[in-house]
Amino acid sequence: MNASPALRWLAVVLLAASGLLAILTPFVSAVGVTIGLGAVAIVAGIGQLLRAVRDGDGGARWFQGLGGVLYLLGGLSLFIDPVEGTLGLTLLIGLLLLFQGVVELAAAAARPLPARGLVLADGLITALLGGLLVAEWPSDSLWVVGTFFGVTLLITASRLAFSPSGEA
């Protein structure tokens, strides 16, 4: 079901403004994203621990409990020290992009694909971006997460604004 045009454009304006604000204040938005991820991990850890207590019998119970404890510890570390957490997130993003780029390049080289040139370009750019993040880590950590978050919000706003169906 599509929202009214007024609500759609309100969402576009809010997303675009939030994206621009995140890009203009990347450190603040990076810390906010890190704190948010920490809070989500804490809630997930509590859920895992409750599930282990409720469902568990035997070995599965211990693994669920261990997973819950790891979520809690990871979430608390992000929540308590979001600047250090942002450093870790930046390295993780760089490694993920590097790995994804290499996988795209390997896929394009292994067999003919539709739009093979685009897949090669995507893989090369993604691997290069990931490599640059890893090579420059940790010096770029305090702006990357916030800037990426802002760009994502802007892309979502543009998709919502320009899609015929009004769905992002």
Protein backbone atom coordinates (compact mmCIF):
# COMPACT_ATOMS: atom_id res chain seq x y z
CA MET A 1 0.00 0.00 0.00
CA ASN A 2 1.43 3.37 -1.03
CA ALA A 3 1.54 6.28 1.39
CA SER A 4 0.01 9.59 0.44
CA PRO A 5 2.18 11.85 -1.73
CA ALA A 6 2.55 14.33 1.14
CA LEU A 7 3.90 11.64 3.48
CA ARG A 8 6.17 10.33 0.75
CA TRP A 9 7.73 13.75 0.19
CA LEU A 10 8.00 14.38 3.93
CA ALA A 11 9.97 11.13 4.19
CA VAL A 12 12.18 12.20 1.24
CA VAL A 13 12.94 15.56 2.85
CA LEU A 14 13.65 14.03 6.27
CA LEU A 15 15.89 11.30 4.83
CA ALA A 16 17.78 13.78 2.65
CA ALA A 17 18.23 16.24 5.52
CA SER A 18 19.41 13.45 7.82
CA GLY A 19 21.82 12.22 5.17
CA LEU A 20 23.28 15.67 4.64
CA LEU A 21 23.58 16.20 8.39
CA ALA A 22 25.36 12.85 8.76
CA ILE A 23 27.79 13.78 5.97
CA LEU A 24 28.43 17.23 7.45
CA THR A 25 28.98 15.80 10.96
CA PRO A 26 30.51 12.39 10.24
CA PHE A 27 32.08 11.90 13.68
CA VAL A 28 28.80 12.58 15.49
CA SER A 29 26.82 10.32 13.16
CA ALA A 30 29.47 7.57 13.38
CA VAL A 31 29.29 7.61 17.16
CA GLY A 32 25.48 7.56 16.98
CA VAL A 33 25.50 4.57 14.62
CA THR A 34 27.98 2.78 16.88
CA ILE A 35 25.88 3.41 19.99
CA GLY A 36 22.78 2.21 18.13
CA LEU A 37 24.53 -0.99 17.06
CA GLY A 38 25.69 -1.50 20.62
CA ALA A 39 22.14 -1.15 21.91
CA VAL A 40 20.84 -3.63 19.33
CA ALA A 41 23.57 -6.12 20.27
CA ILE A 42 22.71 -5.77 23.97
CA VAL A 43 19.04 -6.50 23.29
CA ALA A 44 20.02 -9.45 21.07
CA GLY A 45 22.29 -10.78 23.82
CA ILE A 46 19.52 -10.60 26.39
CA GLY A 47 17.21 -12.39 23.95
CA GLN A 48 19.76 -15.13 23.35
CA LEU A 49 20.28 -15.63 27.08
CA LEU A 50 16.53 -15.81 27.72
CA ARG A 51 16.19 -18.30 24.88
CA ALA A 52 19.01 -20.43 26.31
CA VAL A 53 17.30 -20.52 29.70
CA ARG A 54 13.86 -21.28 28.22
CA ASP A 55 14.70 -23.75 25.44
CA GLY A 56 18.00 -25.21 26.39
CA ASP A 57 18.83 -28.70 27.33
CA GLY A 58 22.35 -29.97 26.95
CA GLY A 59 24.99 -28.56 24.60
CA ALA A 60 22.71 -26.28 22.58
CA ARG A 61 21.86 -24.39 25.74
CA TRP A 62 25.51 -23.61 26.40
CA PHE A 63 26.12 -22.44 22.83
CA GLN A 64 23.06 -20.19 22.93
CA GLY A 65 24.21 -18.83 26.27
CA LEU A 66 27.73 -18.23 24.96
CA GLY A 67 26.29 -16.43 21.94
CA GLY A 68 24.19 -14.28 24.25
CA VAL A 69 27.19 -13.41 26.42
CA LEU A 70 29.24 -12.49 23.32
CA TYR A 71 26.44 -10.27 22.01
CA LEU A 72 26.19 -8.61 25.42
CA LEU A 73 29.93 -8.04 25.75
CA GLY A 74 30.23 -6.74 22.19
CA GLY A 75 27.21 -4.49 22.59
CA LEU A 76 28.40 -3.14 25.93
CA SER A 77 31.84 -2.40 24.51
CA LEU A 78 30.29 -0.45 21.61
CA PHE A 79 27.89 1.31 23.94
CA ILE A 80 30.48 2.20 26.61
CA ASP A 81 33.28 3.28 24.25
CA PRO A 82 31.71 4.22 20.90
CA VAL A 83 34.88 5.89 19.58
CA GLU A 84 36.88 2.66 19.91
CA GLY A 85 33.88 0.80 18.52
CA THR A 86 33.89 3.08 15.49
CA LEU A 87 37.53 2.17 14.87
CA GLY A 88 36.60 -1.51 14.83
CA LEU A 89 33.57 -0.93 12.61
CA THR A 90 35.69 0.94 10.08
CA LEU A 91 38.18 -1.92 9.89
CA LEU A 92 35.32 -4.41 9.54
CA ILE A 93 33.74 -2.37 6.74
CA GLY A 94 37.10 -2.14 4.94
CA LEU A 95 37.69 -5.89 5.19
CA LEU A 96 34.14 -6.68 4.05
CA LEU A 97 34.44 -4.36 1.04
CA LEU A 98 37.83 -5.81 0.12
CA PHE A 99 36.50 -9.36 0.36
CA GLN A 100 33.33 -8.49 -1.60
CA GLY A 101 35.37 -6.85 -4.34
CA VAL A 102 37.65 -9.86 -4.70
CA VAL A 103 34.61 -12.18 -4.84
CA GLU A 104 33.04 -10.02 -7.58
CA LEU A 105 36.28 -10.06 -9.58
CA ALA A 106 36.59 -13.83 -9.21
CA ALA A 107 32.97 -14.34 -10.27
CA ALA A 108 33.45 -12.19 -13.36
CA ALA A 109 36.67 -14.01 -14.26
CA ALA A 110 35.29 -17.52 -13.65
CA ARG A 111 32.48 -17.47 -16.19
CA PRO A 112 30.69 -15.14 -18.58
CA LEU A 113 28.03 -13.10 -16.83
CA PRO A 114 25.42 -10.67 -18.07
CA ALA A 115 26.93 -7.18 -17.84
CA ARG A 116 30.36 -8.69 -17.16
CA GLY A 117 32.04 -5.30 -17.58
CA LEU A 118 29.84 -3.79 -14.87
CA VAL A 119 30.58 -6.71 -12.54
CA LEU A 120 34.32 -6.24 -13.15
CA ALA A 121 34.06 -2.49 -12.54
CA ASP A 122 32.00 -3.05 -9.39
CA GLY A 123 34.50 -5.60 -8.09
CA LEU A 124 37.49 -3.39 -8.85
CA ILE A 125 35.98 -0.27 -7.25
CA THR A 126 34.72 -2.19 -4.21
CA ALA A 127 38.07 -3.93 -3.66
CA LEU A 128 39.94 -0.65 -4.12
CA LEU A 129 37.68 1.16 -1.65
CA GLY A 130 38.04 -1.65 0.89
CA GLY A 131 41.80 -1.76 0.39
CA LEU A 132 42.07 1.99 0.93
CA LEU A 133 40.04 1.78 4.14
CA VAL A 134 42.22 -1.03 5.48
CA ALA A 135 45.46 0.70 4.39
CA GLU A 136 44.48 4.01 5.98
CA TRP A 137 43.00 2.48 9.12
CA PRO A 138 42.67 3.80 11.83
CA SER A 139 43.24 7.38 10.61
CA ASP A 140 40.05 7.43 8.52
CA SER A 141 37.90 5.74 11.14
CA LEU A 142 36.32 8.84 12.63
CA TRP A 143 34.63 9.95 9.42
CA VAL A 144 34.02 6.83 7.31
CA VAL A 145 31.09 5.24 9.16
CA GLY A 146 29.20 8.54 9.47
CA THR A 147 29.84 9.50 5.86
CA PHE A 148 28.77 6.08 4.56
CA PHE A 149 25.63 6.29 6.71
CA GLY A 150 24.83 9.74 5.30
CA VAL A 151 25.36 8.61 1.71
CA THR A 152 23.08 5.62 2.31
CA LEU A 153 20.35 7.93 3.63
CA LEU A 154 20.70 10.18 0.57
CA ILE A 155 20.48 7.20 -1.81
CA THR A 156 17.37 5.96 -0.01
CA ALA A 157 15.82 9.43 -0.26
CA SER A 158 16.55 9.63 -3.99
CA ARG A 159 15.14 6.15 -4.58
CA LEU A 160 11.96 7.12 -2.74
CA ALA A 161 11.72 10.43 -4.61
CA PHE A 162 12.27 9.04 -8.10
CA SER A 163 10.68 5.60 -8.01
CA PRO A 164 7.37 5.48 -9.85
CA SER A 165 5.71 3.34 -7.18
CA GLY A 166 7.00 5.41 -4.28
CA GLU A 167 8.83 2.47 -2.76
CA ALA A 168 12.46 2.73 -1.74
